Amino acid sequence: MNKGIKKRVLRYLRRRKTGATVREVIEHIYGKYEHSKYSYIYLLLSYLQAKGLVERAFEGGAYRWKVKE
């Protein structure tokens, strides 16, 4: 995993108190939504969840990822 991307994702999620969807994370990191990045960011968020750093909740048809408090 790219450590720079991981840090940027965690920093972004910390600033967003309501969390973010994978799509919102992609738009923030890359400047626009790119479907080809979806699997990578989803896998990264799943990895961070397994490490206990983030959690997810199903809302409005999509998972919202948040930094675990």
C-alpha atoms as a PDB file:
ATOM      1  CA  MET A   1       0.000   0.000   0.000  1.00  0.00           C
ATOM      2  CA  ASN A   2       1.152   3.489  -0.810  1.00  0.00           C
ATOM      3  CA  LYS A   3       1.886   5.169   2.556  1.00  0.00           C
ATOM      4  CA  GLY A   4       1.289   8.636   1.120  1.00  0.00           C
ATOM      5  CA  ILE A   5      -2.210   7.729  -0.045  1.00  0.00           C
ATOM      6  CA  LYS A   6      -2.943   6.012   3.276  1.00  0.00           C
ATOM      7  CA  LYS A   7      -1.968   9.144   5.209  1.00  0.00           C
ATOM      8  CA  ARG A   8      -4.019  11.382   2.909  1.00  0.00           C
ATOM      9  CA  VAL A   9      -7.086   9.133   3.279  1.00  0.00           C
ATOM     10  CA  LEU A  10      -6.819   9.082   7.084  1.00  0.00           C
ATOM     11  CA  ARG A  11      -6.300  12.859   7.222  1.00  0.00           C
ATOM     12  CA  TYR A  12      -9.340  13.387   4.984  1.00  0.00           C
ATOM     13  CA  LEU A  13     -11.530  11.082   7.079  1.00  0.00           C
ATOM     14  CA  ARG A  14     -10.450  12.826  10.298  1.00  0.00           C
ATOM     15  CA  ARG A  15     -11.589  16.171   8.893  1.00  0.00           C
ATOM     16  CA  ARG A  16     -14.946  14.769   7.778  1.00  0.00           C
ATOM     17  CA  LYS A  17     -16.887  14.117  10.961  1.00  0.00           C
ATOM     18  CA  THR A  18     -19.704  12.408   9.019  1.00  0.00           C
ATOM     19  CA  GLY A  19     -17.264  10.113   7.224  1.00  0.00           C
ATOM     20  CA  ALA A  20     -16.996   9.612   3.483  1.00  0.00           C
ATOM     21  CA  THR A  21     -17.915   7.111   0.808  1.00  0.00           C
ATOM     22  CA  VAL A  22     -15.285   5.470  -1.376  1.00  0.00           C
ATOM     23  CA  ARG A  23     -16.366   7.772  -4.203  1.00  0.00           C
ATOM     24  CA  GLU A  24     -15.872  10.883  -2.046  1.00  0.00           C
ATOM     25  CA  VAL A  25     -12.421   9.683  -1.000  1.00  0.00           C
ATOM     26  CA  ILE A  26     -11.441   9.103  -4.644  1.00  0.00           C
ATOM     27  CA  GLU A  27     -12.699  12.553  -5.666  1.00  0.00           C
ATOM     28  CA  HIS A  28     -10.678  14.144  -2.868  1.00  0.00           C
ATOM     29  CA  ILE A  29      -7.439  12.229  -3.459  1.00  0.00           C
ATOM     30  CA  TYR A  30      -7.426  12.263  -7.269  1.00  0.00           C
ATOM     31  CA  GLY A  31      -9.445  15.428  -7.976  1.00  0.00           C
ATOM     32  CA  LYS A  32     -12.172  13.553  -9.860  1.00  0.00           C
ATOM     33  CA  TYR A  33     -13.928  10.197  -9.690  1.00  0.00           C
ATOM     34  CA  GLU A  34     -12.147   7.421 -11.572  1.00  0.00           C
ATOM     35  CA  HIS A  35     -13.887   4.047 -11.519  1.00  0.00           C
ATOM     36  CA  SER A  36     -10.533   2.290 -11.985  1.00  0.00           C
ATOM     37  CA  LYS A  37      -9.448   3.560  -8.528  1.00  0.00           C
ATOM     38  CA  TYR A  38     -12.519   2.174  -6.706  1.00  0.00           C
ATOM     39  CA  SER A  39     -11.103  -1.286  -5.929  1.00  0.00           C
ATOM     40  CA  TYR A  40      -7.792   0.134  -4.702  1.00  0.00           C
ATOM     41  CA  ILE A  41      -9.392   2.649  -2.318  1.00  0.00           C
ATOM     42  CA  TYR A  42     -11.962   0.102  -1.103  1.00  0.00           C
ATOM     43  CA  LEU A  43      -9.144  -2.373  -0.406  1.00  0.00           C
ATOM     44  CA  LEU A  44      -7.140   0.329   1.392  1.00  0.00           C
ATOM     45  CA  LEU A  45     -10.141   1.231   3.577  1.00  0.00           C
ATOM     46  CA  SER A  46     -10.758  -2.465   4.330  1.00  0.00           C
ATOM     47  CA  TYR A  47      -7.096  -2.806   5.341  1.00  0.00           C
ATOM     48  CA  LEU A  48      -7.413   0.224   7.634  1.00  0.00           C
ATOM     49  CA  GLN A  49     -10.581  -1.286   9.107  1.00  0.00           C
ATOM     50  CA  ALA A  50      -8.776  -4.571   9.831  1.00  0.00           C
ATOM     51  CA  LYS A  51      -6.062  -2.545  11.603  1.00  0.00           C
ATOM     52  CA  GLY A  52      -8.770  -0.913  13.760  1.00  0.00           C
ATOM     53  CA  LEU A  53      -8.194   2.586  12.362  1.00  0.00           C
ATOM     54  CA  VAL A  54     -11.501   3.106  10.556  1.00  0.00           C
ATOM     55  CA  GLU A  55     -15.038   1.787  10.725  1.00  0.00           C
ATOM     56  CA  ARG A  56     -17.910   1.771   8.284  1.00  0.00           C
ATOM     57  CA  ALA A  57     -21.670   2.124   8.452  1.00  0.00           C
ATOM     58  CA  PHE A  58     -24.200   1.471   5.695  1.00  0.00           C
ATOM     59  CA  GLU A  59     -26.117   4.675   4.943  1.00  0.00           C
ATOM     60  CA  GLY A  60     -28.228   5.618   1.945  1.00  0.00           C
ATOM     61  CA  GLY A  61     -27.105   2.738  -0.250  1.00  0.00           C
ATOM     62  CA  ALA A  62     -23.357   3.069   0.385  1.00  0.00           C
ATOM     63  CA  TYR A  63     -20.845   2.533   3.152  1.00  0.00           C
ATOM     64  CA  ARG A  64     -19.602   5.654   4.928  1.00  0.00           C
ATOM     65  CA  TRP A  65     -16.123   5.210   6.330  1.00  0.00           C
ATOM     66  CA  LYS A  66     -15.059   7.082   9.486  1.00  0.00           C
ATOM     67  CA  VAL A  67     -11.944   7.211  11.623  1.00  0.00           C
ATOM     68  CA  LYS A  68     -12.532   4.983  14.622  1.00  0.00           C
ATOM     69  CA  GLU A  69     -12.813   6.938  17.857  1.00  0.00           C
END
